[in-house]
Amino acid sequence: MKVDSHRVLIRPLLTEKLTGLREATNTVGFVVHPGANRIQIRLAVEALLKVKVDKVNVMNVRGKVKKLGRFSGRRSDWKKALVTLKQGEKLEMYESA
């Protein structure tokens, strides 16, 4: 599926686990478009954030079933990408977080 590079990256993921991973292995996380593949994610990160990418790991996350009283609903499924940057590369938006 052809996805515009500006629509591939939806938002960054900021969790405790990813903060530790960023410090240990220079890996950052993003919520990405469900139709995007590894190559599109790599090109989008390199073009939009001006960094060099070493590897991209992609996983589909199922939405959770949530209840409110007697009604049950379901959160949307989403896709997560863990992007490992090359040695010496840093993202400025993560340095302030």
PDB file of N, CA and C in Angstrom:
ATOM      1  N   MET A   1       0.846  -1.176   0.000  1.00  0.00           N
ATOM      2  CA  MET A   1       0.000   0.000   0.000  1.00  0.00           C
ATOM      3  C   MET A   1       0.889   1.235   0.000  1.00  0.00           C
ATOM      4  N   LYS A   2       0.599   2.174  -0.865  1.00  0.00           N
ATOM      5  CA  LYS A   2       1.368   3.411  -0.968  1.00  0.00           C
ATOM      6  C   LYS A   2       0.852   4.410   0.054  1.00  0.00           C
ATOM      7  N   VAL A   3       1.731   4.794   0.998  1.00  0.00           N
ATOM      8  CA  VAL A   3       1.376   5.753   2.040  1.00  0.00           C
ATOM      9  C   VAL A   3       2.349   6.913   1.944  1.00  0.00           C
ATOM     10  N   ASP A   4       1.834   8.141   1.980  1.00  0.00           N
ATOM     11  CA  ASP A   4       2.669   9.335   1.945  1.00  0.00           C
ATOM     12  C   ASP A   4       3.589   9.346   3.162  1.00  0.00           C
ATOM     13  N   SER A   5       4.836   9.778   2.983  1.00  0.00           N
ATOM     14  CA  SER A   5       5.806   9.722   4.085  1.00  0.00           C
ATOM     15  C   SER A   5       5.415  10.611   5.260  1.00  0.00           C
ATOM     16  N   HIS A   6       4.608  11.637   5.015  1.00  0.00           N
ATOM     17  CA  HIS A   6       4.152  12.488   6.114  1.00  0.00           C
ATOM     18  C   HIS A   6       3.050  11.815   6.932  1.00  0.00           C
ATOM     19  N   ARG A   7       2.430  10.784   6.391  1.00  0.00           N
ATOM     20  CA  ARG A   7       1.361  10.081   7.107  1.00  0.00           C
ATOM     21  C   ARG A   7       1.807   8.755   7.706  1.00  0.00           C
ATOM     22  N   VAL A   8       3.046   8.367   7.436  1.00  0.00           N
ATOM     23  CA  VAL A   8       3.544   7.091   7.958  1.00  0.00           C
ATOM     24  C   VAL A   8       3.701   7.163   9.472  1.00  0.00           C
ATOM     25  N   LEU A   9       4.391   8.186   9.967  1.00  0.00           N
ATOM     26  CA  LEU A   9       4.605   8.346  11.405  1.00  0.00           C
ATOM     27  C   LEU A   9       3.432   9.108  11.996  1.00  0.00           C
ATOM     28  N   ILE A  10       2.700   8.488  12.910  1.00  0.00           N
ATOM     29  CA  ILE A  10       1.540   9.132  13.518  1.00  0.00           C
ATOM     30  C   ILE A  10       1.945   9.905  14.760  1.00  0.00           C
ATOM     31  N   ARG A  11       2.653   9.238  15.682  1.00  0.00           N
ATOM     32  CA  ARG A  11       3.130   9.927  16.892  1.00  0.00           C
ATOM     33  C   ARG A  11       4.241   9.100  17.527  1.00  0.00           C
ATOM     34  N   PRO A  12       5.088   9.741  18.323  1.00  0.00           N
ATOM     35  CA  PRO A  12       6.121   8.973  19.016  1.00  0.00           C
ATOM     36  C   PRO A  12       5.542   8.232  20.211  1.00  0.00           C
ATOM     37  N   LEU A  13       6.165   7.127  20.567  1.00  0.00           N
ATOM     38  CA  LEU A  13       5.787   6.368  21.760  1.00  0.00           C
ATOM     39  C   LEU A  13       6.747   6.738  22.883  1.00  0.00           C
ATOM     40  N   LEU A  14       6.211   7.145  24.012  1.00  0.00           N
ATOM     41  CA  LEU A  14       7.026   7.476  25.174  1.00  0.00           C
ATOM     42  C   LEU A  14       6.561   6.629  26.346  1.00  0.00           C
ATOM     43  N   THR A  15       7.290   5.558  26.623  1.00  0.00           N
ATOM     44  CA  THR A  15       6.982   4.697  27.755  1.00  0.00           C
ATOM     45  C   THR A  15       8.261   4.489  28.561  1.00  0.00           C
ATOM     46  N   GLU A  16       8.114   3.963  29.761  1.00  0.00           N
ATOM     47  CA  GLU A  16       9.282   3.682  30.594  1.00  0.00           C
ATOM     48  C   GLU A  16      10.198   2.658  29.934  1.00  0.00           C
ATOM     49  N   LYS A  17       9.609   1.638  29.368  1.00  0.00           N
ATOM     50  CA  LYS A  17      10.395   0.589  28.727  1.00  0.00           C
ATOM     51  C   LYS A  17      11.179   1.144  27.536  1.00  0.00           C
ATOM     52  N   LEU A  18      10.532   1.986  26.732  1.00  0.00           N
ATOM     53  CA  LEU A  18      11.211   2.555  25.572  1.00  0.00           C
ATOM     54  C   LEU A  18      12.258   3.589  25.968  1.00  0.00           C
ATOM     55  N   THR A  19      12.064   4.263  27.100  1.00  0.00           N
ATOM     56  CA  THR A  19      13.078   5.201  27.575  1.00  0.00           C
ATOM     57  C   THR A  19      14.357   4.447  27.932  1.00  0.00           C
ATOM     58  N   GLY A  20      14.221   3.324  28.610  1.00  0.00           N
ATOM     59  CA  GLY A  20      15.379   2.493  28.920  1.00  0.00           C
ATOM     60  C   GLY A  20      16.029   1.920  27.675  1.00  0.00           C
ATOM     61  N   LEU A  21      15.209   1.527  26.713  1.00  0.00           N
ATOM     62  CA  LEU A  21      15.708   0.983  25.455  1.00  0.00           C
ATOM     63  C   LEU A  21      16.447   2.049  24.654  1.00  0.00           C
ATOM     64  N   ARG A  22      15.951   3.281  24.704  1.00  0.00           N
ATOM     65  CA  ARG A  22      16.595   4.381  23.989  1.00  0.00           C
ATOM     66  C   ARG A  22      17.987   4.645  24.557  1.00  0.00           C
ATOM     67  N   GLU A  23      18.099   4.611  25.878  1.00  0.00           N
ATOM     68  CA  GLU A  23      19.393   4.858  26.511  1.00  0.00           C
ATOM     69  C   GLU A  23      20.362   3.697  26.293  1.00  0.00           C
ATOM     70  N   ALA A  24      19.854   2.470  26.275  1.00  0.00           N
ATOM     71  CA  ALA A  24      20.719   1.294  26.156  1.00  0.00           C
ATOM     72  C   ALA A  24      21.123   0.997  24.714  1.00  0.00           C
ATOM     73  N   THR A  25      20.161   1.029  23.789  1.00  0.00           N
ATOM     74  CA  THR A  25      20.439   0.577  22.419  1.00  0.00           C
ATOM     75  C   THR A  25      20.125   1.612  21.348  1.00  0.00           C
ATOM     76  N   ASN A  26      19.850   2.855  21.726  1.00  0.00           N
ATOM     77  CA  ASN A  26      19.558   3.930  20.769  1.00  0.00           C
ATOM     78  C   ASN A  26      18.340   3.579  19.902  1.00  0.00           C
ATOM     79  N   THR A  27      17.292   3.028  20.536  1.00  0.00           N
ATOM     80  CA  THR A  27      16.067   2.634  19.845  1.00  0.00           C
ATOM     81  C   THR A  27      14.921   3.543  20.271  1.00  0.00           C
ATOM     82  N   VAL A  28      14.148   4.016  19.294  1.00  0.00           N
ATOM     83  CA  VAL A  28      12.999   4.871  19.573  1.00  0.00           C
ATOM     84  C   VAL A  28      11.750   4.205  19.008  1.00  0.00           C
ATOM     85  N   GLY A  29      10.584   4.560  19.557  1.00  0.00           N
ATOM     86  CA  GLY A  29       9.336   3.935  19.141  1.00  0.00           C
ATOM     87  C   GLY A  29       8.374   4.929  18.535  1.00  0.00           C
ATOM     88  N   PHE A  30       7.564   4.452  17.598  1.00  0.00           N
ATOM     89  CA  PHE A  30       6.559   5.275  16.939  1.00  0.00           C
ATOM     90  C   PHE A  30       5.285   4.470  16.740  1.00  0.00           C
ATOM     91  N   VAL A  31       4.149   5.148  16.805  1.00  0.00           N
ATOM     92  CA  VAL A  31       2.893   4.594  16.313  1.00  0.00           C
ATOM     93  C   VAL A  31       2.866   4.956  14.837  1.00  0.00           C
ATOM     94  N   VAL A  32       2.664   3.965  13.976  1.00  0.00           N
ATOM     95  CA  VAL A  32       2.743   4.193  12.536  1.00  0.00           C
ATOM     96  C   VAL A  32       1.433   3.801  11.855  1.00  0.00           C
ATOM     97  N   HIS A  33       1.297   4.214  10.620  1.00  0.00           N
ATOM     98  CA  HIS A  33       0.123   3.893   9.806  1.00  0.00           C
ATOM     99  C   HIS A  33       0.025   2.377   9.646  1.00  0.00           C
ATOM    100  N   PRO A  34      -1.176   1.806   9.798  1.00  0.00           N
ATOM    101  CA  PRO A  34      -1.322   0.343   9.719  1.00  0.00           C
ATOM    102  C   PRO A  34      -0.916  -0.259   8.377  1.00  0.00           C
ATOM    103  N   GLY A  35      -0.938   0.518   7.320  1.00  0.00           N
ATOM    104  CA  GLY A  35      -0.571  -0.004   6.004  1.00  0.00           C
ATOM    105  C   GLY A  35       0.884   0.199   5.639  1.00  0.00           C
ATOM    106  N   ALA A  36       1.671   0.786   6.537  1.00  0.00           N
ATOM    107  CA  ALA A  36       3.076   1.074   6.239  1.00  0.00           C
ATOM    108  C   ALA A  36       3.940  -0.158   6.488  1.00  0.00           C
ATOM    109  N   ASN A  37       4.983  -0.312   5.675  1.00  0.00           N
ATOM    110  CA  ASN A  37       5.922  -1.415   5.877  1.00  0.00           C
ATOM    111  C   ASN A  37       7.260  -0.873   6.373  1.00  0.00           C
ATOM    112  N   ARG A  38       8.218  -1.778   6.620  1.00  0.00           N
ATOM    113  CA  ARG A  38       9.514  -1.385   7.175  1.00  0.00           C
ATOM    114  C   ARG A  38      10.248  -0.373   6.305  1.00  0.00           C
ATOM    115  N   ILE A  39      10.212  -0.579   5.011  1.00  0.00           N
ATOM    116  CA  ILE A  39      10.941   0.299   4.097  1.00  0.00           C
ATOM    117  C   ILE A  39      10.352   1.701   4.137  1.00  0.00           C
ATOM    118  N   GLN A  40       9.032   1.813   4.108  1.00  0.00           N
ATOM    119  CA  GLN A  40       8.384   3.125   4.173  1.00  0.00           C
ATOM    120  C   GLN A  40       8.670   3.810   5.504  1.00  0.00           C
ATOM    121  N   ILE A  41       8.690   3.056   6.594  1.00  0.00           N
ATOM    122  CA  ILE A  41       8.972   3.633   7.910  1.00  0.00           C
ATOM    123  C   ILE A  41      10.409   4.139   7.956  1.00  0.00           C
ATOM    124  N   ARG A  42      11.353   3.350   7.444  1.00  0.00           N
ATOM    125  CA  ARG A  42      12.756   3.766   7.410  1.00  0.00           C
ATOM    126  C   ARG A  42      12.929   5.057   6.602  1.00  0.00           C
ATOM    127  N   LEU A  43      12.322   5.109   5.421  1.00  0.00           N
ATOM    128  CA  LEU A  43      12.449   6.295   4.571  1.00  0.00           C
ATOM    129  C   LEU A  43      11.808   7.517   5.219  1.00  0.00           C
ATOM    130  N   ALA A  44      10.671   7.331   5.891  1.00  0.00           N
ATOM    131  CA  ALA A  44       9.990   8.452   6.542  1.00  0.00           C
ATOM    132  C   ALA A  44      10.815   8.999   7.699  1.00  0.00           C
ATOM    133  N   VAL A  45      11.388   8.119   8.517  1.00  0.00           N
ATOM    134  CA  VAL A  45      12.203   8.575   9.652  1.00  0.00           C
ATOM    135  C   VAL A  45      13.442   9.305   9.146  1.00  0.00           C
ATOM    136  N   GLU A  46      14.105   8.755   8.133  1.00  0.00           N
ATOM    137  CA  GLU A  46      15.307   9.396   7.609  1.00  0.00           C
ATOM    138  C   GLU A  46      14.999  10.730   6.951  1.00  0.00           C
ATOM    139  N   ALA A  47      13.872  10.822   6.246  1.00  0.00           N
ATOM    140  CA  ALA A  47      13.539  12.062   5.545  1.00  0.00           C
ATOM    141  C   ALA A  47      13.009  13.135   6.489  1.00  0.00           C
ATOM    142  N   LEU A  48      12.102  12.769   7.378  1.00  0.00           N
ATOM    143  CA  LEU A  48      11.446  13.770   8.222  1.00  0.00           C
ATOM    144  C   LEU A  48      12.272  14.160   9.439  1.00  0.00           C
ATOM    145  N   LEU A  49      13.001  13.216  10.021  1.00  0.00           N
ATOM    146  CA  LEU A  49      13.729  13.487  11.260  1.00  0.00           C
ATOM    147  C   LEU A  49      15.224  13.674  11.047  1.00  0.00           C
ATOM    148  N   LYS A  50      15.703  13.498   9.824  1.00  0.00           N
ATOM    149  CA  LYS A  50      17.103  13.746   9.447  1.00  0.00           C
ATOM    150  C   LYS A  50      18.100  12.934  10.278  1.00  0.00           C
ATOM    151  N   VAL A  51      17.838  11.642  10.424  1.00  0.00           N
ATOM    152  CA  VAL A  51      18.755  10.733  11.112  1.00  0.00           C
ATOM    153  C   VAL A  51      18.940   9.484  10.251  1.00  0.00           C
ATOM    154  N   LYS A  52      19.998   8.732  10.512  1.00  0.00           N
ATOM    155  CA  LYS A  52      20.257   7.478   9.805  1.00  0.00           C
ATOM    156  C   LYS A  52      19.715   6.314  10.625  1.00  0.00           C
ATOM    157  N   VAL A  53      19.011   5.408   9.960  1.00  0.00           N
ATOM    158  CA  VAL A  53      18.362   4.276  10.623  1.00  0.00           C
ATOM    159  C   VAL A  53      19.191   3.016  10.410  1.00  0.00           C
ATOM    160  N   ASP A  54      19.393   2.254  11.485  1.00  0.00           N
ATOM    161  CA  ASP A  54      20.110   0.987  11.411  1.00  0.00           C
ATOM    162  C   ASP A  54      19.144  -0.150  11.082  1.00  0.00           C
ATOM    163  N   LYS A  55      18.050  -0.287  11.872  1.00  0.00           N
ATOM    164  CA  LYS A  55      17.054  -1.324  11.591  1.00  0.00           C
ATOM    165  C   LYS A  55      15.687  -0.898  12.103  1.00  0.00           C
ATOM    166  N   VAL A  56      14.649  -1.553  11.582  1.00  0.00           N
ATOM    167  CA  VAL A  56      13.264  -1.256  11.943  1.00  0.00           C
ATOM    168  C   VAL A  56      12.570  -2.561  12.304  1.00  0.00           C
ATOM    169  N   ASN A  57      11.976  -2.612  13.497  1.00  0.00           N
ATOM    170  CA  ASN A  57      11.146  -3.747  13.912  1.00  0.00           C
ATOM    171  C   ASN A  57       9.705  -3.262  13.982  1.00  0.00           C
ATOM    172  N   VAL A  58       8.785  -4.025  13.399  1.00  0.00           N
ATOM    173  CA  VAL A  58       7.383  -3.622  13.304  1.00  0.00           C
ATOM    174  C   VAL A  58       6.513  -4.696  13.936  1.00  0.00           C
ATOM    175  N   MET A  59       5.487  -4.255  14.686  1.00  0.00           N
ATOM    176  CA  MET A  59       4.550  -5.215  15.263  1.00  0.00           C
ATOM    177  C   MET A  59       3.139  -4.637  15.269  1.00  0.00           C
ATOM    178  N   ASN A  60       2.169  -5.506  15.086  1.00  0.00           N
ATOM    179  CA  ASN A  60       0.769  -5.122  15.181  1.00  0.00           C
ATOM    180  C   ASN A  60       0.294  -5.365  16.606  1.00  0.00           C
ATOM    181  N   VAL A  61      -0.388  -4.370  17.174  1.00  0.00           N
ATOM    182  CA  VAL A  61      -0.875  -4.458  18.544  1.00  0.00           C
ATOM    183  C   VAL A  61      -2.396  -4.530  18.491  1.00  0.00           C
ATOM    184  N   ARG A  62      -2.965  -5.532  19.136  1.00  0.00           N
ATOM    185  CA  ARG A  62      -4.417  -5.664  19.168  1.00  0.00           C
ATOM    186  C   ARG A  62      -5.013  -4.697  20.166  1.00  0.00           C
ATOM    187  N   GLY A  63      -6.188  -4.156  19.831  1.00  0.00           N
ATOM    188  CA  GLY A  63      -6.892  -3.281  20.756  1.00  0.00           C
ATOM    189  C   GLY A  63      -7.491  -4.073  21.900  1.00  0.00           C
ATOM    190  N   LYS A  64      -7.531  -3.455  23.068  1.00  0.00           N
ATOM    191  CA  LYS A  64      -8.054  -4.130  24.255  1.00  0.00           C
ATOM    192  C   LYS A  64      -9.575  -4.032  24.306  1.00  0.00           C
ATOM    193  N   VAL A  65     -10.195  -5.013  24.936  1.00  0.00           N
ATOM    194  CA  VAL A  65     -11.632  -4.962  25.199  1.00  0.00           C
ATOM    195  C   VAL A  65     -11.821  -4.221  26.514  1.00  0.00           C
ATOM    196  N   LYS A  66     -12.624  -3.188  26.497  1.00  0.00           N
ATOM    197  CA  LYS A  66     -12.868  -2.370  27.686  1.00  0.00           C
ATOM    198  C   LYS A  66     -14.356  -2.372  27.991  1.00  0.00           C
ATOM    199  N   LYS A  67     -14.694  -2.295  29.270  1.00  0.00           N
ATOM    200  CA  LYS A  67     -16.094  -2.279  29.686  1.00  0.00           C
ATOM    201  C   LYS A  67     -16.400  -0.998  30.433  1.00  0.00           C
ATOM    202  N   LEU A  68     -17.603  -0.516  30.228  1.00  0.00           N
ATOM    203  CA  LEU A  68     -18.119   0.623  30.974  1.00  0.00           C
ATOM    204  C   LEU A  68     -19.504   0.204  31.455  1.00  0.00           C
ATOM    205  N   GLY A  69     -19.572  -0.202  32.708  1.00  0.00           N
ATOM    206  CA  GLY A  69     -20.829  -0.736  33.222  1.00  0.00           C
ATOM    207  C   GLY A  69     -21.124  -2.064  32.562  1.00  0.00           C
ATOM    208  N   ARG A  70     -22.295  -2.178  31.980  1.00  0.00           N
ATOM    209  CA  ARG A  70     -22.642  -3.440  31.323  1.00  0.00           C
ATOM    210  C   ARG A  70     -22.304  -3.430  29.835  1.00  0.00           C
ATOM    211  N   PHE A  71     -21.809  -2.308  29.341  1.00  0.00           N
ATOM    212  CA  PHE A  71     -21.468  -2.188  27.922  1.00  0.00           C
ATOM    213  C   PHE A  71     -19.989  -2.496  27.717  1.00  0.00           C
ATOM    214  N   SER A  72     -19.712  -3.251  26.688  1.00  0.00           N
ATOM    215  CA  SER A  72     -18.311  -3.526  26.378  1.00  0.00           C
ATOM    216  C   SER A  72     -18.002  -2.982  24.994  1.00  0.00           C
ATOM    217  N   GLY A  73     -16.799  -2.511  24.855  1.00  0.00           N
ATOM    218  CA  GLY A  73     -16.338  -1.983  23.581  1.00  0.00           C
ATOM    219  C   GLY A  73     -14.918  -2.446  23.345  1.00  0.00           C
ATOM    220  N   ARG A  74     -14.362  -2.001  22.266  1.00  0.00           N
ATOM    221  CA  ARG A  74     -13.023  -2.438  21.911  1.00  0.00           C
ATOM    222  C   ARG A  74     -12.238  -1.262  21.379  1.00  0.00           C
ATOM    223  N   ARG A  75     -11.003  -1.129  21.846  1.00  0.00           N
ATOM    224  CA  ARG A  75     -10.116  -0.098  21.321  1.00  0.00           C
ATOM    225  C   ARG A  75      -9.585  -0.542  19.962  1.00  0.00           C
ATOM    226  N   SER A  76      -9.134   0.406  19.182  1.00  0.00           N
ATOM    227  CA  SER A  76      -8.655   0.112  17.835  1.00  0.00           C
ATOM    228  C   SER A  76      -7.329  -0.642  17.861  1.00  0.00           C
ATOM    229  N   ASP A  77      -7.117  -1.483  16.851  1.00  0.00           N
ATOM    230  CA  ASP A  77      -5.813  -2.097  16.644  1.00  0.00           C
ATOM    231  C   ASP A  77      -4.865  -1.020  16.118  1.00  0.00           C
ATOM    232  N   TRP A  78      -3.566  -1.173  16.394  1.00  0.00           N
ATOM    233  CA  TRP A  78      -2.594  -0.197  15.916  1.00  0.00           C
ATOM    234  C   TRP A  78      -1.269  -0.876  15.631  1.00  0.00           C
ATOM    235  N   LYS A  79      -0.403  -0.168  14.933  1.00  0.00           N
ATOM    236  CA  LYS A  79       0.888  -0.715  14.549  1.00  0.00           C
ATOM    237  C   LYS A  79       1.996   0.080  15.219  1.00  0.00           C
ATOM    238  N   LYS A  80       2.974  -0.645  15.755  1.00  0.00           N
ATOM    239  CA  LYS A  80       4.088  -0.035  16.477  1.00  0.00           C
ATOM    240  C   LYS A  80       5.383  -0.342  15.737  1.00  0.00           C
ATOM    241  N   ALA A  81       6.272   0.655  15.659  1.00  0.00           N
ATOM    242  CA  ALA A  81       7.580   0.463  15.041  1.00  0.00           C
ATOM    243  C   ALA A  81       8.665   0.850  16.029  1.00  0.00           C
ATOM    244  N   LEU A  82       9.640  -0.040  16.208  1.00  0.00           N
ATOM    245  CA  LEU A  82      10.819   0.253  17.012  1.00  0.00           C
ATOM    246  C   LEU A  82      11.970   0.481  16.041  1.00  0.00           C
ATOM    247  N   VAL A  83      12.496   1.701  16.042  1.00  0.00           N
ATOM    248  CA  VAL A  83      13.513   2.113  15.083  1.00  0.00           C
ATOM    249  C   VAL A  83      14.842   2.253  15.816  1.00  0.00           C
ATOM    250  N   THR A  84      15.832   1.469  15.409  1.00  0.00           N
ATOM    251  CA  THR A  84      17.170   1.567  15.978  1.00  0.00           C
ATOM    252  C   THR A  84      17.990   2.502  15.101  1.00  0.00           C
ATOM    253  N   LEU A  85      18.535   3.545  15.726  1.00  0.00           N
ATOM    254  CA  LEU A  85      19.330   4.531  15.000  1.00  0.00           C
ATOM    255  C   LEU A  85      20.789   4.092  14.956  1.00  0.00           C
ATOM    256  N   LYS A  86      21.515   4.579  13.949  1.00  0.00           N
ATOM    257  CA  LYS A  86      22.937   4.262  13.841  1.00  0.00           C
ATOM    258  C   LYS A  86      23.706   4.913  14.979  1.00  0.00           C
ATOM    259  N   GLN A  87      24.907   4.395  15.260  1.00  0.00           N
ATOM    260  CA  GLN A  87      25.754   4.925  16.328  1.00  0.00           C
ATOM    261  C   GLN A  87      26.006   6.414  16.101  1.00  0.00           C
ATOM    262  N   GLY A  88      25.884   7.200  17.159  1.00  0.00           N
ATOM    263  CA  GLY A  88      26.142   8.635  17.074  1.00  0.00           C
ATOM    264  C   GLY A  88      24.935   9.469  16.700  1.00  0.00           C
ATOM    265  N   GLU A  89      23.848   8.850  16.264  1.00  0.00           N
ATOM    266  CA  GLU A  89      22.642   9.588  15.882  1.00  0.00           C
ATOM    267  C   GLU A  89      21.765   9.802  17.108  1.00  0.00           C
ATOM    268  N   LYS A  90      21.134  10.981  17.191  1.00  0.00           N
ATOM    269  CA  LYS A  90      20.214  11.280  18.289  1.00  0.00           C
ATOM    270  C   LYS A  90      19.034  12.068  17.752  1.00  0.00           C
ATOM    271  N   LEU A  91      17.894  11.911  18.420  1.00  0.00           N
ATOM    272  CA  LEU A  91      16.713  12.702  18.094  1.00  0.00           C
ATOM    273  C   LEU A  91      16.546  13.768  19.161  1.00  0.00           C
ATOM    274  N   GLU A  92      16.453  15.017  18.739  1.00  0.00           N
ATOM    275  CA  GLU A  92      16.350  16.130  19.683  1.00  0.00           C
ATOM    276  C   GLU A  92      15.033  16.108  20.451  1.00  0.00           C
ATOM    277  N   MET A  93      13.960  15.611  19.828  1.00  0.00           N
ATOM    278  CA  MET A  93      12.659  15.630  20.506  1.00  0.00           C
ATOM    279  C   MET A  93      12.637  14.686  21.705  1.00  0.00           C
ATOM    280  N   TYR A  94      13.501  13.665  21.715  1.00  0.00           N
ATOM    281  CA  TYR A  94      13.549  12.746  22.847  1.00  0.00           C
ATOM    282  C   TYR A  94      14.485  13.229  23.943  1.00  0.00           C
ATOM    283  N   GLU A  95      15.384  14.135  23.636  1.00  0.00           N
ATOM    284  CA  GLU A  95      16.343  14.600  24.631  1.00  0.00           C
ATOM    285  C   GLU A  95      15.680  15.444  25.706  1.00  0.00           C
ATOM    286  N   SER A  96      14.608  16.168  25.358  1.00  0.00           N
ATOM    287  CA  SER A  96      13.927  17.012  26.338  1.00  0.00           C
ATOM    288  C   SER A  96      12.906  16.232  27.152  1.00  0.00           C
ATOM    289  N   ALA A  97      12.511  15.040  26.684  1.00  0.00           N
ATOM    290  CA  ALA A  97      11.486  14.247  27.372  1.00  0.00           C
ATOM    291  C   ALA A  97      12.053  13.502  28.550  1.00  0.00           C
TER     292      ALA A  97
END
